C-alpha atoms as a PDB file:
ATOM      1  CA  UNK A   1       9.706  24.864   0.852  1.00  0.00           C
ATOM      2  CA  UNK A   2      13.317  23.855   0.486  1.00  0.00           C
ATOM      3  CA  UNK A   3      14.316  20.828   2.460  1.00  0.00           C
ATOM      4  CA  UNK A   4      17.790  19.853   3.453  1.00  0.00           C
ATOM      5  CA  UNK A   5      19.502  16.771   2.131  1.00  0.00           C
ATOM      6  CA  UNK A   6      19.275  15.208   5.574  1.00  0.00           C
ATOM      7  CA  UNK A   7      15.478  15.671   5.665  1.00  0.00           C
ATOM      8  CA  UNK A   8      15.200  14.181   2.183  1.00  0.00           C
ATOM      9  CA  UNK A   9      17.256  11.128   3.162  1.00  0.00           C
ATOM     10  CA  UNK A  10      15.212  10.692   6.349  1.00  0.00           C
ATOM     11  CA  UNK A  11      12.002  10.680   4.321  1.00  0.00           C
ATOM     12  CA  UNK A  12      13.431   8.273   1.731  1.00  0.00           C
ATOM     13  CA  UNK A  13      14.642   5.956   4.518  1.00  0.00           C
ATOM     14  CA  UNK A  14      11.124   5.767   5.965  1.00  0.00           C
ATOM     15  CA  UNK A  15       9.758   4.961   2.494  1.00  0.00           C
ATOM     16  CA  UNK A  16      12.357   2.260   1.989  1.00  0.00           C
ATOM     17  CA  UNK A  17      11.436   0.668   5.312  1.00  0.00           C
ATOM     18  CA  UNK A  18       7.754   0.613   4.333  1.00  0.00           C
ATOM     19  CA  UNK A  19       8.513  -0.828   0.918  1.00  0.00           C
ATOM     20  CA  UNK A  20      10.804  -3.478   2.401  1.00  0.00           C
ATOM     21  CA  UNK A  21       8.035  -4.545   4.784  1.00  0.00           C
ATOM     22  CA  UNK A  22       5.598  -4.634   1.856  1.00  0.00           C
ATOM     23  CA  UNK A  23       8.089  -6.700  -0.145  1.00  0.00           C
ATOM     24  CA  UNK A  24       8.347  -9.191   2.733  1.00  0.00           C
ATOM     25  CA  UNK A  25       4.559  -9.518   2.919  1.00  0.00           C
ATOM     26  CA  UNK A  26       4.308 -10.073  -0.846  1.00  0.00           C
ATOM     27  CA  UNK A  27       7.155 -12.604  -0.730  1.00  0.00           C
ATOM     28  CA  UNK A  28       5.525 -14.538   2.117  1.00  0.00           C
ATOM     29  CA  UNK A  29       2.145 -14.534   0.358  1.00  0.00           C
ATOM     30  CA  UNK A  30       3.754 -15.728  -2.858  1.00  0.00           C
ATOM     31  CA  UNK A  31       5.775 -18.471  -1.187  1.00  0.00           C
ATOM     32  CA  UNK A  32       2.929 -19.863   0.929  1.00  0.00           C
ATOM     33  CA  UNK A  33       1.542 -21.617  -2.133  1.00  0.00           C
ATOM     34  CA  UNK A  34       4.819 -23.398  -2.851  1.00  0.00           C
ATOM     35  CA  UNK A  35       5.239 -24.472   0.782  1.00  0.00           C
ATOM     36  CA  UNK A  36       1.638 -25.588   1.317  1.00  0.00           C
ATOM     37  CA  UNK A  37       0.156 -26.793  -1.971  1.00  0.00           C
ATOM     38  CA  UNK A  38      -3.591 -26.264  -1.772  1.00  0.00           C
ATOM     39  CA  UNK A  39      -5.706 -28.949  -3.395  1.00  0.00           C
ATOM     40  CA  UNK A  40      -9.323 -29.956  -3.454  1.00  0.00           C
ATOM     41  CA  UNK A  41     -11.554 -27.815  -1.315  1.00  0.00           C
ATOM     42  CA  UNK A  42      -8.910 -25.108  -0.670  1.00  0.00           C
ATOM     43  CA  UNK A  43      -7.596 -24.731  -4.241  1.00  0.00           C
ATOM     44  CA  UNK A  44      -9.097 -21.237  -4.437  1.00  0.00           C
ATOM     45  CA  UNK A  45      -6.531 -20.007  -1.897  1.00  0.00           C
ATOM     46  CA  UNK A  46      -3.829 -20.122  -4.574  1.00  0.00           C
ATOM     47  CA  UNK A  47      -5.585 -17.492  -6.645  1.00  0.00           C
ATOM     48  CA  UNK A  48      -6.489 -15.436  -3.554  1.00  0.00           C
ATOM     49  CA  UNK A  49      -2.866 -15.301  -2.418  1.00  0.00           C
ATOM     50  CA  UNK A  50      -1.627 -14.501  -5.919  1.00  0.00           C
ATOM     51  CA  UNK A  51      -4.152 -11.711  -6.503  1.00  0.00           C
ATOM     52  CA  UNK A  52      -3.453 -10.223  -3.076  1.00  0.00           C
ATOM     53  CA  UNK A  53       0.267 -10.233  -3.867  1.00  0.00           C
ATOM     54  CA  UNK A  54      -0.405  -8.448  -7.159  1.00  0.00           C
ATOM     55  CA  UNK A  55      -2.556  -5.784  -5.489  1.00  0.00           C
ATOM     56  CA  UNK A  56       0.058  -5.144  -2.796  1.00  0.00           C
ATOM     57  CA  UNK A  57       2.795  -4.890  -5.427  1.00  0.00           C
ATOM     58  CA  UNK A  58       0.755  -2.320  -7.340  1.00  0.00           C
ATOM     59  CA  UNK A  59       0.239  -0.396  -4.099  1.00  0.00           C
ATOM     60  CA  UNK A  60       4.000  -0.290  -3.525  1.00  0.00           C
ATOM     61  CA  UNK A  61       4.660   0.844  -7.085  1.00  0.00           C
ATOM     62  CA  UNK A  62       2.011   3.560  -6.818  1.00  0.00           C
ATOM     63  CA  UNK A  63       3.637   4.761  -3.583  1.00  0.00           C
ATOM     64  CA  UNK A  64       6.981   5.091  -5.360  1.00  0.00           C
ATOM     65  CA  UNK A  65       5.367   6.915  -8.286  1.00  0.00           C
ATOM     66  CA  UNK A  66       3.578   9.316  -5.936  1.00  0.00           C
ATOM     67  CA  UNK A  67       6.879  10.122  -4.221  1.00  0.00           C
ATOM     68  CA  UNK A  68       8.589  10.730  -7.567  1.00  0.00           C
ATOM     69  CA  UNK A  69       5.850  12.950  -9.018  1.00  0.00           C
ATOM     70  CA  UNK A  70       4.964  14.810  -5.800  1.00  0.00           C
ATOM     71  CA  UNK A  71       8.055  14.799  -3.549  1.00  0.00           C
ATOM     72  CA  UNK A  72       7.016  17.828  -1.524  1.00  0.00           C
ATOM     73  CA  UNK A  73       3.597  16.521  -0.477  1.00  0.00           C
ATOM     74  CA  UNK A  74       3.735  15.104   3.037  1.00  0.00           C
ATOM     75  CA  UNK A  75       0.582  13.138   3.741  1.00  0.00           C
ATOM     76  CA  UNK A  76       1.421  12.882   7.439  1.00  0.00           C
ATOM     77  CA  UNK A  77       1.296  16.673   7.694  1.00  0.00           C
ATOM     78  CA  UNK A  78      -2.096  16.722   5.975  1.00  0.00           C
ATOM     79  CA  UNK A  79      -3.488  14.090   8.316  1.00  0.00           C
ATOM     80  CA  UNK A  80      -2.216  16.006  11.389  1.00  0.00           C
ATOM     81  CA  UNK A  81      -3.860  19.173  10.133  1.00  0.00           C
ATOM     82  CA  UNK A  82      -7.073  17.260   9.493  1.00  0.00           C
ATOM     83  CA  UNK A  83      -7.375  16.575  13.233  1.00  0.00           C
ATOM     84  CA  UNK A  84      -8.163  20.249  13.780  1.00  0.00           C
ATOM     85  CA  UNK A  85     -11.042  20.466  11.304  1.00  0.00           C
ATOM     86  CA  UNK A  86     -14.003  18.064  11.189  1.00  0.00           C
ATOM     87  CA  UNK A  87     -14.562  18.442   7.438  1.00  0.00           C
ATOM     88  CA  UNK A  88     -10.896  17.746   6.726  1.00  0.00           C
ATOM     89  CA  UNK A  89     -11.083  14.656   8.936  1.00  0.00           C
ATOM     90  CA  UNK A  90     -14.054  13.435   6.941  1.00  0.00           C
ATOM     91  CA  UNK A  91     -12.170  13.965   3.679  1.00  0.00           C
ATOM     92  CA  UNK A  92      -9.135  12.040   4.957  1.00  0.00           C
ATOM     93  CA  UNK A  93     -11.392   9.233   6.173  1.00  0.00           C
ATOM     94  CA  UNK A  94     -13.136   9.142   2.786  1.00  0.00           C
ATOM     95  CA  UNK A  95      -9.766   8.982   1.032  1.00  0.00           C
ATOM     96  CA  UNK A  96      -8.641   6.043   3.167  1.00  0.00           C
ATOM     97  CA  UNK A  97     -11.960   4.279   2.508  1.00  0.00           C
ATOM     98  CA  UNK A  98     -11.601   4.825  -1.245  1.00  0.00           C
ATOM     99  CA  UNK A  99      -8.071   3.417  -1.287  1.00  0.00           C
ATOM    100  CA  UNK A 100      -9.010   0.351   0.774  1.00  0.00           C
ATOM    101  CA  UNK A 101     -12.161  -0.316  -1.252  1.00  0.00           C
ATOM    102  CA  UNK A 102     -10.136  -0.005  -4.457  1.00  0.00           C
ATOM    103  CA  UNK A 103      -7.751  -2.676  -3.191  1.00  0.00           C
ATOM    104  CA  UNK A 104     -10.682  -4.952  -2.382  1.00  0.00           C
ATOM    105  CA  UNK A 105     -12.450  -4.371  -5.705  1.00  0.00           C
ATOM    106  CA  UNK A 106      -9.275  -4.943  -7.715  1.00  0.00           C
ATOM    107  CA  UNK A 107      -8.572  -8.104  -5.766  1.00  0.00           C
ATOM    108  CA  UNK A 108     -12.074  -9.409  -6.466  1.00  0.00           C
ATOM    109  CA  UNK A 109     -11.781  -8.469 -10.141  1.00  0.00           C
ATOM    110  CA  UNK A 110      -8.508 -10.395 -10.381  1.00  0.00           C
ATOM    111  CA  UNK A 111     -10.264 -13.436  -8.946  1.00  0.00           C
ATOM    112  CA  UNK A 112     -13.100 -13.428 -11.477  1.00  0.00           C
END
């Protein structure tokens, strides 16, 4: 499948918007600690915010790497096709669950 330059730029623009939003979330999570210093009973929130920022940054980097290594794979097309087949829907759901559980496990491992 050969895509036009315009299609490529449209896809890159969508990725840049997602990554910019992710960058804003990571920036806000990182700056909350400097704005509201947590002490005493809520001191654990500093490490929770930091580890969550790290996990989200890794997610953004992995998204960029996936786009570089596999530019022709469109996950939106796969998810649309999965709506037509129950087994494919289950596989997509399992994939989303694996990704989300990996984020949670890595976040917990960073906290310990």
